N, C-alpha and C. Protein backbone atom coordinates (compact mmCIF):
# COMPACT_ATOMS: atom_id res chain seq x y z
N MET A 1 -41.79 -44.42 42.11
CA MET A 1 -40.71 -45.37 42.06
C MET A 1 -41.32 -46.75 41.85
N GLU A 2 -40.63 -47.54 41.02
CA GLU A 2 -41.07 -48.91 40.77
C GLU A 2 -39.86 -49.83 40.95
N ILE A 3 -40.11 -51.01 41.48
CA ILE A 3 -39.05 -52.00 41.65
C ILE A 3 -39.46 -53.29 40.96
N TRP A 4 -38.56 -53.75 40.07
CA TRP A 4 -38.78 -55.03 39.38
C TRP A 4 -38.14 -56.11 40.25
N ILE A 5 -38.95 -57.08 40.66
CA ILE A 5 -38.43 -58.11 41.56
C ILE A 5 -38.81 -59.52 41.13
N ASN A 6 -38.03 -60.45 41.67
CA ASN A 6 -38.36 -61.87 41.71
C ASN A 6 -38.48 -62.16 43.20
N PRO A 7 -39.67 -62.49 43.71
CA PRO A 7 -39.84 -62.67 45.14
C PRO A 7 -38.94 -63.75 45.75
N ALA A 8 -38.45 -64.67 44.93
CA ALA A 8 -37.56 -65.72 45.43
C ALA A 8 -36.13 -65.23 45.64
N CYS A 9 -35.83 -64.02 45.20
CA CYS A 9 -34.47 -63.47 45.25
C CYS A 9 -34.21 -62.75 46.56
N SER A 10 -33.14 -63.13 47.25
CA SER A 10 -32.82 -62.50 48.53
C SER A 10 -32.45 -61.03 48.36
N LYS A 11 -31.79 -60.66 47.26
CA LYS A 11 -31.44 -59.26 47.02
C LYS A 11 -32.70 -58.41 46.83
N CYS A 12 -33.71 -58.99 46.17
CA CYS A 12 -34.98 -58.29 45.99
C CYS A 12 -35.69 -58.10 47.33
N ARG A 13 -35.72 -59.14 48.13
CA ARG A 13 -36.37 -59.04 49.44
C ARG A 13 -35.65 -58.02 50.32
N SER A 14 -34.33 -58.00 50.25
CA SER A 14 -33.56 -57.03 51.01
C SER A 14 -33.88 -55.60 50.56
N ALA A 15 -33.96 -55.39 49.26
CA ALA A 15 -34.28 -54.05 48.73
C ALA A 15 -35.67 -53.61 49.19
N ILE A 16 -36.65 -54.52 49.13
CA ILE A 16 -38.01 -54.20 49.57
C ILE A 16 -38.00 -53.84 51.05
N SER A 17 -37.27 -54.60 51.85
CA SER A 17 -37.18 -54.31 53.29
C SER A 17 -36.62 -52.92 53.54
N LEU A 18 -35.60 -52.56 52.80
CA LEU A 18 -34.99 -51.25 52.96
C LEU A 18 -35.95 -50.14 52.52
N LEU A 19 -36.63 -50.35 51.40
CA LEU A 19 -37.62 -49.36 50.94
C LEU A 19 -38.72 -49.19 51.99
N ASP A 20 -39.19 -50.31 52.56
CA ASP A 20 -40.23 -50.25 53.59
C ASP A 20 -39.72 -49.52 54.83
N ALA A 21 -38.49 -49.82 55.24
CA ALA A 21 -37.91 -49.19 56.44
C ALA A 21 -37.80 -47.68 56.25
N GLU A 22 -37.58 -47.26 55.02
CA GLU A 22 -37.45 -45.82 54.73
C GLU A 22 -38.80 -45.16 54.44
N GLY A 23 -39.86 -45.95 54.44
CA GLY A 23 -41.19 -45.41 54.18
C GLY A 23 -41.38 -44.95 52.75
N ALA A 24 -40.69 -45.59 51.85
CA ALA A 24 -40.74 -45.19 50.44
C ALA A 24 -42.09 -45.52 49.81
N ASP A 25 -42.48 -44.68 48.86
CA ASP A 25 -43.69 -44.90 48.08
C ASP A 25 -43.25 -45.57 46.78
N TYR A 26 -43.62 -46.83 46.58
CA TYR A 26 -43.17 -47.57 45.41
C TYR A 26 -44.22 -48.59 45.00
N THR A 27 -44.08 -49.05 43.77
CA THR A 27 -44.91 -50.15 43.29
C THR A 27 -43.99 -51.32 42.95
N VAL A 28 -44.51 -52.51 43.12
CA VAL A 28 -43.75 -53.73 42.84
C VAL A 28 -44.20 -54.29 41.50
N ARG A 29 -43.22 -54.67 40.71
CA ARG A 29 -43.50 -55.38 39.45
C ARG A 29 -42.79 -56.72 39.52
N ARG A 30 -43.57 -57.77 39.55
CA ARG A 30 -43.02 -59.13 39.51
C ARG A 30 -42.76 -59.45 38.05
N TYR A 31 -41.56 -59.14 37.61
CA TYR A 31 -41.27 -59.14 36.17
C TYR A 31 -41.25 -60.52 35.54
N LEU A 32 -41.23 -61.59 36.34
CA LEU A 32 -41.32 -62.93 35.76
C LEU A 32 -42.77 -63.23 35.36
N GLU A 33 -43.72 -62.57 36.04
CA GLU A 33 -45.15 -62.74 35.74
C GLU A 33 -45.64 -61.64 34.79
N ASP A 34 -45.23 -60.41 35.07
CA ASP A 34 -45.60 -59.25 34.25
C ASP A 34 -44.36 -58.88 33.44
N VAL A 35 -44.14 -59.66 32.38
CA VAL A 35 -42.89 -59.59 31.61
C VAL A 35 -42.79 -58.26 30.86
N PRO A 36 -41.66 -57.57 31.02
CA PRO A 36 -41.47 -56.32 30.30
C PRO A 36 -41.30 -56.54 28.79
N SER A 37 -41.88 -55.65 28.04
CA SER A 37 -41.75 -55.70 26.58
C SER A 37 -40.36 -55.22 26.18
N GLY A 38 -40.02 -55.44 24.94
CA GLY A 38 -38.75 -54.92 24.43
C GLY A 38 -38.67 -53.41 24.61
N GLU A 39 -39.79 -52.73 24.38
CA GLU A 39 -39.82 -51.27 24.54
C GLU A 39 -39.55 -50.87 25.99
N GLU A 40 -40.14 -51.59 26.93
CA GLU A 40 -39.92 -51.29 28.35
C GLU A 40 -38.47 -51.57 28.75
N ILE A 41 -37.90 -52.63 28.21
CA ILE A 41 -36.49 -52.94 28.51
C ILE A 41 -35.60 -51.85 27.94
N ARG A 42 -35.87 -51.40 26.72
CA ARG A 42 -35.07 -50.32 26.14
C ARG A 42 -35.16 -49.06 27.01
N ALA A 43 -36.37 -48.75 27.49
CA ALA A 43 -36.57 -47.56 28.32
C ALA A 43 -35.79 -47.67 29.63
N VAL A 44 -35.83 -48.84 30.26
CA VAL A 44 -35.10 -48.99 31.53
C VAL A 44 -33.59 -48.98 31.29
N LEU A 45 -33.15 -49.52 30.17
CA LEU A 45 -31.72 -49.46 29.84
C LEU A 45 -31.28 -48.01 29.67
N ASP A 46 -32.11 -47.19 29.02
CA ASP A 46 -31.81 -45.77 28.87
C ASP A 46 -31.71 -45.10 30.24
N ARG A 47 -32.63 -45.45 31.13
CA ARG A 47 -32.63 -44.87 32.48
C ARG A 47 -31.41 -45.32 33.28
N LEU A 48 -30.99 -46.56 33.06
CA LEU A 48 -29.82 -47.10 33.75
C LEU A 48 -28.51 -46.59 33.16
N GLY A 49 -28.57 -46.22 31.87
CA GLY A 49 -27.34 -45.85 31.17
C GLY A 49 -26.48 -47.07 30.88
N LEU A 50 -27.15 -48.23 30.67
CA LEU A 50 -26.45 -49.49 30.45
C LEU A 50 -26.91 -50.12 29.14
N GLU A 51 -26.20 -51.16 28.75
CA GLU A 51 -26.55 -51.96 27.59
C GLU A 51 -27.20 -53.26 28.07
N PRO A 52 -27.95 -53.95 27.20
CA PRO A 52 -28.66 -55.15 27.66
C PRO A 52 -27.74 -56.22 28.25
N TRP A 53 -26.54 -56.37 27.69
CA TRP A 53 -25.62 -57.38 28.23
C TRP A 53 -25.15 -57.02 29.63
N ASP A 54 -25.25 -55.74 30.00
CA ASP A 54 -24.85 -55.31 31.35
C ASP A 54 -25.85 -55.75 32.41
N ILE A 55 -27.09 -56.01 32.02
CA ILE A 55 -28.11 -56.43 32.99
C ILE A 55 -28.57 -57.86 32.75
N THR A 56 -27.77 -58.63 32.04
CA THR A 56 -28.12 -60.02 31.74
C THR A 56 -27.44 -60.96 32.72
N ARG A 57 -28.23 -61.86 33.29
CA ARG A 57 -27.72 -62.87 34.21
C ARG A 57 -27.17 -64.02 33.36
N THR A 58 -25.91 -63.94 33.04
CA THR A 58 -25.29 -64.88 32.10
C THR A 58 -25.04 -66.25 32.69
N GLN A 59 -25.20 -66.41 34.00
CA GLN A 59 -24.99 -67.72 34.62
C GLN A 59 -26.26 -68.56 34.70
N GLU A 60 -27.39 -67.97 34.29
CA GLU A 60 -28.65 -68.73 34.29
C GLU A 60 -28.57 -69.85 33.25
N ALA A 61 -29.27 -70.95 33.52
CA ALA A 61 -29.26 -72.10 32.60
C ALA A 61 -29.70 -71.70 31.20
N VAL A 62 -30.74 -70.86 31.11
CA VAL A 62 -31.23 -70.45 29.79
C VAL A 62 -30.17 -69.63 29.04
N ALA A 63 -29.36 -68.88 29.75
CA ALA A 63 -28.28 -68.13 29.10
C ALA A 63 -27.29 -69.08 28.46
N LYS A 64 -26.98 -70.14 29.16
CA LYS A 64 -26.05 -71.14 28.62
C LYS A 64 -26.68 -71.86 27.42
N GLU A 65 -27.99 -72.17 27.52
CA GLU A 65 -28.69 -72.82 26.41
C GLU A 65 -28.68 -71.94 25.16
N LEU A 66 -28.84 -70.64 25.35
CA LEU A 66 -28.86 -69.70 24.23
C LEU A 66 -27.46 -69.37 23.72
N GLY A 67 -26.45 -69.74 24.50
CA GLY A 67 -25.08 -69.43 24.12
C GLY A 67 -24.73 -67.96 24.24
N LEU A 68 -25.34 -67.28 25.21
CA LEU A 68 -25.13 -65.83 25.37
C LEU A 68 -23.67 -65.45 25.55
N GLY A 69 -22.89 -66.33 26.12
CA GLY A 69 -21.48 -66.03 26.32
C GLY A 69 -20.74 -65.77 25.02
N ASP A 70 -21.27 -66.28 23.91
CA ASP A 70 -20.63 -66.10 22.60
C ASP A 70 -21.26 -64.97 21.79
N TRP A 71 -22.32 -64.34 22.31
CA TRP A 71 -22.98 -63.27 21.57
C TRP A 71 -22.11 -62.01 21.59
N PRO A 72 -22.05 -61.29 20.47
CA PRO A 72 -21.29 -60.03 20.47
C PRO A 72 -21.94 -59.00 21.38
N ARG A 73 -21.09 -58.21 22.00
CA ARG A 73 -21.56 -57.13 22.87
C ARG A 73 -21.25 -55.82 22.17
N GLU A 74 -22.10 -55.54 21.18
CA GLU A 74 -21.90 -54.34 20.36
C GLU A 74 -23.26 -53.86 19.89
N ALA A 75 -23.27 -52.62 19.40
CA ALA A 75 -24.53 -51.97 19.01
C ALA A 75 -25.36 -52.81 18.05
N GLY A 76 -24.71 -53.48 17.11
CA GLY A 76 -25.43 -54.27 16.12
C GLY A 76 -26.17 -55.47 16.71
N ALA A 77 -25.77 -55.90 17.89
CA ALA A 77 -26.40 -57.05 18.54
C ALA A 77 -27.38 -56.65 19.64
N ARG A 78 -27.52 -55.36 19.86
CA ARG A 78 -28.33 -54.86 20.98
C ARG A 78 -29.76 -55.41 20.95
N GLU A 79 -30.41 -55.37 19.80
CA GLU A 79 -31.81 -55.83 19.72
C GLU A 79 -31.92 -57.34 19.98
N ARG A 80 -30.93 -58.09 19.56
CA ARG A 80 -30.93 -59.54 19.83
C ARG A 80 -30.93 -59.79 21.34
N TRP A 81 -30.11 -59.02 22.07
CA TRP A 81 -30.05 -59.15 23.52
C TRP A 81 -31.38 -58.73 24.16
N ILE A 82 -31.96 -57.64 23.69
CA ILE A 82 -33.23 -57.16 24.25
C ILE A 82 -34.33 -58.18 24.01
N THR A 83 -34.35 -58.78 22.83
CA THR A 83 -35.33 -59.82 22.54
C THR A 83 -35.16 -61.00 23.49
N ALA A 84 -33.93 -61.40 23.74
CA ALA A 84 -33.67 -62.51 24.67
C ALA A 84 -34.18 -62.17 26.07
N LEU A 85 -33.95 -60.94 26.52
CA LEU A 85 -34.42 -60.53 27.85
C LEU A 85 -35.94 -60.53 27.93
N SER A 86 -36.62 -60.09 26.87
CA SER A 86 -38.08 -60.06 26.92
C SER A 86 -38.68 -61.45 26.76
N GLU A 87 -38.00 -62.33 26.04
CA GLU A 87 -38.51 -63.70 25.89
C GLU A 87 -38.14 -64.59 27.07
N HIS A 88 -37.09 -64.23 27.78
CA HIS A 88 -36.61 -65.02 28.93
C HIS A 88 -36.32 -64.07 30.09
N PRO A 89 -37.39 -63.56 30.74
CA PRO A 89 -37.18 -62.53 31.77
C PRO A 89 -36.32 -62.97 32.94
N LYS A 90 -36.15 -64.26 33.13
CA LYS A 90 -35.28 -64.73 34.21
C LYS A 90 -33.84 -64.24 34.01
N LEU A 91 -33.52 -63.85 32.78
CA LEU A 91 -32.18 -63.36 32.47
C LEU A 91 -31.93 -61.93 32.97
N ILE A 92 -33.01 -61.21 33.32
CA ILE A 92 -32.86 -59.81 33.72
C ILE A 92 -32.31 -59.73 35.15
N GLN A 93 -31.24 -58.96 35.30
CA GLN A 93 -30.65 -58.73 36.62
C GLN A 93 -31.70 -58.08 37.52
N ARG A 94 -31.62 -58.35 38.79
CA ARG A 94 -32.63 -57.88 39.73
C ARG A 94 -32.00 -57.47 41.05
N PRO A 95 -32.70 -56.65 41.78
CA PRO A 95 -33.87 -55.86 41.41
C PRO A 95 -33.46 -54.61 40.64
N ILE A 96 -34.37 -54.13 39.82
CA ILE A 96 -34.16 -52.86 39.13
C ILE A 96 -35.16 -51.87 39.73
N ILE A 97 -34.64 -50.72 40.14
CA ILE A 97 -35.48 -49.69 40.75
C ILE A 97 -35.45 -48.46 39.86
N THR A 98 -36.64 -48.04 39.43
CA THR A 98 -36.73 -46.80 38.65
C THR A 98 -37.06 -45.68 39.63
N ALA A 99 -36.23 -44.65 39.61
CA ALA A 99 -36.38 -43.52 40.53
C ALA A 99 -37.28 -42.46 39.91
N ASP A 100 -37.80 -41.61 40.77
CA ASP A 100 -38.73 -40.57 40.32
C ASP A 100 -38.07 -39.50 39.45
N ASP A 101 -36.74 -39.40 39.49
CA ASP A 101 -36.06 -38.38 38.68
C ASP A 101 -35.80 -38.85 37.25
N GLY A 102 -36.29 -40.05 36.89
CA GLY A 102 -36.10 -40.56 35.54
C GLY A 102 -34.92 -41.50 35.40
N SER A 103 -34.15 -41.68 36.46
CA SER A 103 -33.02 -42.59 36.42
C SER A 103 -33.45 -43.96 36.93
N ALA A 104 -32.52 -44.88 36.97
CA ALA A 104 -32.78 -46.22 37.51
C ALA A 104 -31.47 -46.78 38.04
N VAL A 105 -31.57 -47.77 38.93
CA VAL A 105 -30.40 -48.46 39.46
C VAL A 105 -30.70 -49.95 39.53
N VAL A 106 -29.66 -50.74 39.45
CA VAL A 106 -29.77 -52.16 39.79
C VAL A 106 -29.49 -52.21 41.29
N GLY A 107 -30.52 -52.52 42.06
CA GLY A 107 -30.45 -52.39 43.51
C GLY A 107 -29.95 -53.62 44.24
N ARG A 108 -28.79 -54.12 43.87
CA ARG A 108 -28.24 -55.32 44.49
C ARG A 108 -27.52 -55.03 45.81
N THR A 109 -27.27 -53.75 46.09
CA THR A 109 -26.64 -53.39 47.36
C THR A 109 -27.51 -52.37 48.08
N ASP A 110 -27.32 -52.26 49.39
CA ASP A 110 -28.05 -51.24 50.15
C ASP A 110 -27.72 -49.85 49.63
N GLU A 111 -26.47 -49.65 49.22
CA GLU A 111 -26.06 -48.34 48.71
C GLU A 111 -26.82 -47.97 47.44
N ALA A 112 -27.01 -48.94 46.55
CA ALA A 112 -27.75 -48.68 45.31
C ALA A 112 -29.21 -48.35 45.61
N VAL A 113 -29.80 -49.06 46.56
CA VAL A 113 -31.19 -48.79 46.94
C VAL A 113 -31.28 -47.38 47.55
N GLN A 114 -30.32 -47.03 48.39
CA GLN A 114 -30.30 -45.69 48.99
C GLN A 114 -30.17 -44.62 47.90
N GLU A 115 -29.37 -44.92 46.88
CA GLU A 115 -29.21 -43.98 45.77
C GLU A 115 -30.56 -43.74 45.08
N ALA A 116 -31.30 -44.82 44.82
CA ALA A 116 -32.62 -44.67 44.20
C ALA A 116 -33.54 -43.87 45.11
N LEU A 117 -33.48 -44.13 46.41
CA LEU A 117 -34.30 -43.37 47.36
C LEU A 117 -33.97 -41.88 47.31
N SER A 118 -32.68 -41.56 47.28
CA SER A 118 -32.29 -40.15 47.28
C SER A 118 -32.71 -39.47 45.98
N ARG A 119 -32.71 -40.20 44.89
CA ARG A 119 -33.14 -39.64 43.61
C ARG A 119 -34.63 -39.44 43.57
N SER A 120 -35.36 -40.19 44.37
CA SER A 120 -36.82 -40.08 44.38
C SER A 120 -37.29 -39.09 45.44
N ALA A 121 -36.43 -38.70 46.35
CA ALA A 121 -36.82 -37.80 47.42
C ALA A 121 -36.75 -36.33 46.98
N ARG A 122 -36.18 -36.09 45.80
CA ARG A 122 -36.03 -34.70 45.34
C ARG A 122 -37.33 -34.07 44.95
């Protein structure tokens, strides 16, 4: 299991605390420092079953600068969104937990973190 975090994020710290309390075996990826490539973002989107706009923090200042609110949310624009996420990792929703069964969750709630744990315990 891997968790993509921003250490300054309270949701990320909460997820880490829960993983630690459960004795989970995981690795931490500080995705603002170890920026995911477009290929890695595509892979995690496949695991999440989501589109890039679904995991984009549209309220970030850089999102407003890029005008993301006006970008189309359709298949033809998918690569444009992925490029924006890889060039501006602060836009990526957090934390993202990849489970051992090949799935992933956005772990913003205790329930989502528990879901990732249950998928990794199999």
